[in-house]
């Protein structure tokens, strides 16, 4: 355990940030899984609705640095392509 006051504060801040990051990352994964579930059920309408919820979450967390911007772009691109393919079929 830290002995210096500033190190103790840093340790407390790290715990809070870790909890926040874990929660937000979980929210992101859940949003993406909802889109994938709708795609698995061949339901284009609900997949689009779920994607409309997941897209701003991806953008927000990438702008905050929780995930890399290219990872967010990759997720959005792949999900969009799958939704388009489902609608075309």
N, C-alpha and C. Protein backbone atom coordinates (compact mmCIF):
# COMPACT_ATOMS: atom_id res chain seq x y z
N UNK A 1 0.84 -1.19 0.00
CA UNK A 1 0.00 0.00 0.00
C UNK A 1 0.87 1.24 0.00
N UNK A 2 0.37 2.26 -0.64
CA UNK A 2 1.12 3.51 -0.75
C UNK A 2 1.21 4.21 0.60
N UNK A 3 2.34 4.87 0.84
CA UNK A 3 2.54 5.61 2.08
C UNK A 3 2.39 7.11 1.88
N UNK A 4 2.68 7.59 0.69
CA UNK A 4 2.63 9.02 0.41
C UNK A 4 1.20 9.41 0.07
N UNK A 5 0.82 10.61 0.53
CA UNK A 5 -0.56 11.06 0.35
C UNK A 5 -0.99 11.08 -1.12
N UNK A 6 -0.13 11.58 -1.98
CA UNK A 6 -0.49 11.67 -3.40
C UNK A 6 -0.62 10.28 -4.03
N UNK A 7 0.19 9.34 -3.56
CA UNK A 7 0.11 7.97 -4.07
C UNK A 7 -1.17 7.29 -3.60
N UNK A 8 -1.60 7.60 -2.38
CA UNK A 8 -2.86 7.06 -1.88
C UNK A 8 -4.02 7.58 -2.71
N UNK A 9 -3.98 8.87 -3.03
CA UNK A 9 -5.03 9.47 -3.85
C UNK A 9 -5.05 8.82 -5.23
N UNK A 10 -3.88 8.65 -5.81
CA UNK A 10 -3.79 8.01 -7.13
C UNK A 10 -4.37 6.60 -7.10
N UNK A 11 -4.11 5.86 -6.03
CA UNK A 11 -4.63 4.50 -5.91
C UNK A 11 -6.16 4.51 -5.86
N UNK A 12 -6.72 5.47 -5.12
CA UNK A 12 -8.18 5.58 -5.06
C UNK A 12 -8.75 5.96 -6.42
N UNK A 13 -8.10 6.88 -7.10
CA UNK A 13 -8.57 7.30 -8.43
C UNK A 13 -8.53 6.14 -9.41
N UNK A 14 -7.50 5.32 -9.31
CA UNK A 14 -7.37 4.18 -10.22
C UNK A 14 -8.52 3.19 -10.02
N UNK A 15 -8.92 2.99 -8.78
CA UNK A 15 -10.02 2.07 -8.49
C UNK A 15 -11.32 2.60 -9.11
N UNK A 16 -11.57 3.90 -8.95
CA UNK A 16 -12.79 4.50 -9.49
C UNK A 16 -12.79 4.42 -11.02
N UNK A 17 -11.67 4.76 -11.62
CA UNK A 17 -11.58 4.75 -13.07
C UNK A 17 -11.72 3.33 -13.62
N UNK A 18 -11.12 2.37 -12.93
CA UNK A 18 -11.21 0.98 -13.38
C UNK A 18 -12.66 0.50 -13.37
N UNK A 19 -13.40 0.87 -12.32
CA UNK A 19 -14.81 0.48 -12.24
C UNK A 19 -15.61 1.14 -13.35
N UNK A 20 -15.36 2.42 -13.61
CA UNK A 20 -16.09 3.13 -14.66
C UNK A 20 -15.78 2.53 -16.02
N UNK A 21 -14.51 2.28 -16.29
CA UNK A 21 -14.12 1.72 -17.59
C UNK A 21 -14.72 0.34 -17.80
N UNK A 22 -14.72 -0.48 -16.75
CA UNK A 22 -15.28 -1.83 -16.87
C UNK A 22 -16.77 -1.76 -17.16
N UNK A 23 -17.46 -0.84 -16.51
CA UNK A 23 -18.90 -0.69 -16.73
C UNK A 23 -19.18 -0.25 -18.16
N UNK A 24 -18.44 0.74 -18.63
CA UNK A 24 -18.67 1.24 -19.98
C UNK A 24 -18.30 0.22 -21.04
N UNK A 25 -17.23 -0.53 -20.81
CA UNK A 25 -16.84 -1.57 -21.76
C UNK A 25 -17.91 -2.66 -21.82
N UNK A 26 -18.49 -2.99 -20.68
CA UNK A 26 -19.57 -3.98 -20.63
C UNK A 26 -20.78 -3.48 -21.39
N UNK A 27 -21.12 -2.20 -21.22
CA UNK A 27 -22.25 -1.61 -21.94
C UNK A 27 -22.02 -1.68 -23.44
N UNK A 28 -20.79 -1.43 -23.87
CA UNK A 28 -20.45 -1.49 -25.28
C UNK A 28 -20.62 -2.91 -25.83
N UNK A 29 -20.09 -3.88 -25.11
CA UNK A 29 -20.18 -5.27 -25.57
C UNK A 29 -21.63 -5.73 -25.64
N UNK A 30 -22.43 -5.32 -24.66
CA UNK A 30 -23.84 -5.69 -24.66
C UNK A 30 -24.56 -5.10 -25.87
N UNK A 31 -24.26 -3.84 -26.19
CA UNK A 31 -24.90 -3.19 -27.34
C UNK A 31 -24.55 -3.91 -28.64
N UNK A 32 -23.29 -4.31 -28.78
CA UNK A 32 -22.86 -5.01 -30.00
C UNK A 32 -23.50 -6.40 -30.05
N UNK A 33 -23.58 -7.06 -28.91
CA UNK A 33 -24.18 -8.40 -28.87
C UNK A 33 -25.65 -8.37 -29.24
N UNK A 34 -26.35 -7.29 -28.88
CA UNK A 34 -27.76 -7.19 -29.24
C UNK A 34 -27.93 -7.10 -30.75
N UNK A 35 -27.02 -6.40 -31.41
CA UNK A 35 -27.07 -6.33 -32.87
C UNK A 35 -26.79 -7.71 -33.46
N UNK A 36 -25.78 -8.39 -32.94
CA UNK A 36 -25.42 -9.71 -33.44
C UNK A 36 -26.55 -10.72 -33.23
N UNK A 37 -27.24 -10.60 -32.10
CA UNK A 37 -28.35 -11.50 -31.82
C UNK A 37 -29.47 -11.29 -32.83
N UNK A 38 -29.77 -10.03 -33.12
CA UNK A 38 -30.82 -9.72 -34.09
C UNK A 38 -30.41 -10.21 -35.48
N UNK A 39 -29.14 -10.09 -35.81
CA UNK A 39 -28.66 -10.59 -37.10
C UNK A 39 -28.77 -12.11 -37.16
N UNK A 40 -28.47 -12.76 -36.06
CA UNK A 40 -28.58 -14.22 -36.00
C UNK A 40 -30.00 -14.71 -36.17
N UNK A 41 -30.96 -13.88 -35.76
CA UNK A 41 -32.37 -14.24 -35.89
C UNK A 41 -32.95 -13.78 -37.23
N UNK A 42 -32.10 -13.24 -38.10
CA UNK A 42 -32.51 -12.73 -39.42
C UNK A 42 -33.61 -11.67 -39.31
N UNK A 43 -33.48 -10.81 -38.34
CA UNK A 43 -34.45 -9.73 -38.12
C UNK A 43 -33.78 -8.40 -38.42
N UNK A 44 -33.94 -7.94 -39.66
CA UNK A 44 -33.25 -6.73 -40.11
C UNK A 44 -33.73 -5.49 -39.36
N UNK A 45 -35.01 -5.41 -39.07
CA UNK A 45 -35.57 -4.23 -38.42
C UNK A 45 -35.01 -4.05 -37.01
N UNK A 46 -35.01 -5.13 -36.24
CA UNK A 46 -34.47 -5.01 -34.88
C UNK A 46 -32.96 -4.88 -34.89
N UNK A 47 -32.30 -5.44 -35.91
CA UNK A 47 -30.85 -5.27 -36.02
C UNK A 47 -30.51 -3.80 -36.28
N UNK A 48 -31.29 -3.15 -37.14
CA UNK A 48 -31.07 -1.73 -37.40
C UNK A 48 -31.33 -0.89 -36.16
N UNK A 49 -32.38 -1.23 -35.42
CA UNK A 49 -32.70 -0.50 -34.20
C UNK A 49 -31.59 -0.67 -33.16
N UNK A 50 -31.09 -1.89 -33.02
CA UNK A 50 -30.01 -2.15 -32.06
C UNK A 50 -28.73 -1.46 -32.51
N UNK A 51 -28.50 -1.41 -33.82
CA UNK A 51 -27.31 -0.73 -34.34
C UNK A 51 -27.39 0.77 -34.10
N UNK A 52 -28.61 1.32 -34.18
CA UNK A 52 -28.79 2.74 -33.92
C UNK A 52 -28.45 3.09 -32.48
N UNK A 53 -28.59 2.13 -31.58
CA UNK A 53 -28.21 2.32 -30.18
C UNK A 53 -26.71 2.10 -30.00
N UNK A 54 -26.17 1.11 -30.69
CA UNK A 54 -24.75 0.75 -30.51
C UNK A 54 -23.80 1.77 -31.14
N UNK A 55 -24.21 2.36 -32.24
CA UNK A 55 -23.30 3.27 -32.96
C UNK A 55 -22.86 4.47 -32.12
N UNK A 56 -23.77 5.20 -31.46
CA UNK A 56 -23.29 6.32 -30.64
C UNK A 56 -22.46 5.87 -29.44
N UNK A 57 -22.74 4.68 -28.93
CA UNK A 57 -21.94 4.15 -27.82
C UNK A 57 -20.50 3.92 -28.29
N UNK A 58 -20.36 3.31 -29.47
CA UNK A 58 -19.02 3.09 -30.04
C UNK A 58 -18.30 4.42 -30.25
N UNK A 59 -19.00 5.39 -30.82
CA UNK A 59 -18.38 6.69 -31.08
C UNK A 59 -17.97 7.38 -29.78
N UNK A 60 -18.85 7.35 -28.80
CA UNK A 60 -18.57 8.04 -27.54
C UNK A 60 -17.36 7.44 -26.82
N UNK A 61 -17.32 6.12 -26.76
CA UNK A 61 -16.22 5.48 -26.03
C UNK A 61 -14.90 5.58 -26.78
N UNK A 62 -14.96 5.63 -28.11
CA UNK A 62 -13.72 5.81 -28.86
C UNK A 62 -13.20 7.24 -28.71
N UNK A 63 -14.11 8.22 -28.64
CA UNK A 63 -13.67 9.60 -28.47
C UNK A 63 -13.07 9.81 -27.08
N UNK A 64 -13.53 9.05 -26.11
CA UNK A 64 -12.99 9.16 -24.75
C UNK A 64 -11.71 8.36 -24.57
N UNK A 65 -11.37 7.53 -25.56
CA UNK A 65 -10.13 6.78 -25.48
C UNK A 65 -10.27 5.42 -24.82
N UNK A 66 -11.49 4.99 -24.55
CA UNK A 66 -11.67 3.68 -23.92
C UNK A 66 -11.36 2.57 -24.91
N UNK A 67 -11.74 2.77 -26.17
CA UNK A 67 -11.34 1.87 -27.25
C UNK A 67 -10.71 2.71 -28.35
N UNK A 68 -9.93 2.09 -29.18
CA UNK A 68 -9.27 2.80 -30.27
C UNK A 68 -10.28 3.19 -31.33
N UNK A 69 -10.07 4.31 -31.98
CA UNK A 69 -11.04 4.79 -32.97
C UNK A 69 -11.15 3.82 -34.14
N UNK A 70 -10.07 3.13 -34.49
CA UNK A 70 -10.14 2.17 -35.58
C UNK A 70 -10.97 0.94 -35.19
N UNK A 71 -10.93 0.57 -33.92
CA UNK A 71 -11.75 -0.55 -33.47
C UNK A 71 -13.23 -0.20 -33.57
N UNK A 72 -13.58 1.02 -33.20
CA UNK A 72 -14.96 1.46 -33.31
C UNK A 72 -15.39 1.47 -34.77
N UNK A 73 -14.53 1.98 -35.64
CA UNK A 73 -14.85 2.03 -37.06
C UNK A 73 -15.00 0.63 -37.63
N UNK A 74 -14.15 -0.29 -37.19
CA UNK A 74 -14.22 -1.67 -37.68
C UNK A 74 -15.54 -2.33 -37.28
N UNK A 75 -15.93 -2.14 -36.01
CA UNK A 75 -17.20 -2.70 -35.54
C UNK A 75 -18.37 -2.13 -36.34
N UNK A 76 -18.39 -0.82 -36.51
CA UNK A 76 -19.50 -0.19 -37.24
C UNK A 76 -19.55 -0.67 -38.68
N UNK A 77 -18.39 -0.77 -39.30
CA UNK A 77 -18.34 -1.20 -40.70
C UNK A 77 -18.83 -2.63 -40.86
N UNK A 78 -18.38 -3.53 -40.02
CA UNK A 78 -18.76 -4.93 -40.13
C UNK A 78 -20.24 -5.14 -39.84
N UNK A 79 -20.74 -4.43 -38.82
CA UNK A 79 -22.16 -4.57 -38.49
C UNK A 79 -23.03 -4.00 -39.60
N UNK A 80 -22.64 -2.86 -40.14
CA UNK A 80 -23.40 -2.26 -41.24
C UNK A 80 -23.42 -3.19 -42.45
N UNK A 81 -22.29 -3.79 -42.77
CA UNK A 81 -22.21 -4.70 -43.91
C UNK A 81 -23.12 -5.90 -43.71
N UNK A 82 -23.16 -6.43 -42.48
CA UNK A 82 -24.01 -7.59 -42.21
C UNK A 82 -25.49 -7.21 -42.29
N UNK A 83 -25.84 -6.02 -41.83
CA UNK A 83 -27.23 -5.58 -41.89
C UNK A 83 -27.64 -5.38 -43.35
N UNK A 84 -26.77 -4.78 -44.15
CA UNK A 84 -27.07 -4.58 -45.58
C UNK A 84 -27.24 -5.92 -46.29
N UNK A 85 -26.37 -6.88 -45.98
CA UNK A 85 -26.46 -8.20 -46.61
C UNK A 85 -27.77 -8.89 -46.23
N UNK A 86 -28.19 -8.72 -44.99
CA UNK A 86 -29.43 -9.34 -44.53
C UNK A 86 -30.63 -8.71 -45.25
N UNK A 87 -30.59 -7.41 -45.42
CA UNK A 87 -31.69 -6.72 -46.10
C UNK A 87 -31.75 -7.09 -47.58
N UNK A 88 -30.57 -7.30 -48.18
CA UNK A 88 -30.52 -7.66 -49.60
C UNK A 88 -31.02 -9.09 -49.84
N UNK A 89 -30.81 -9.95 -48.86
CA UNK A 89 -31.19 -11.36 -49.03
C UNK A 89 -32.67 -11.60 -48.86
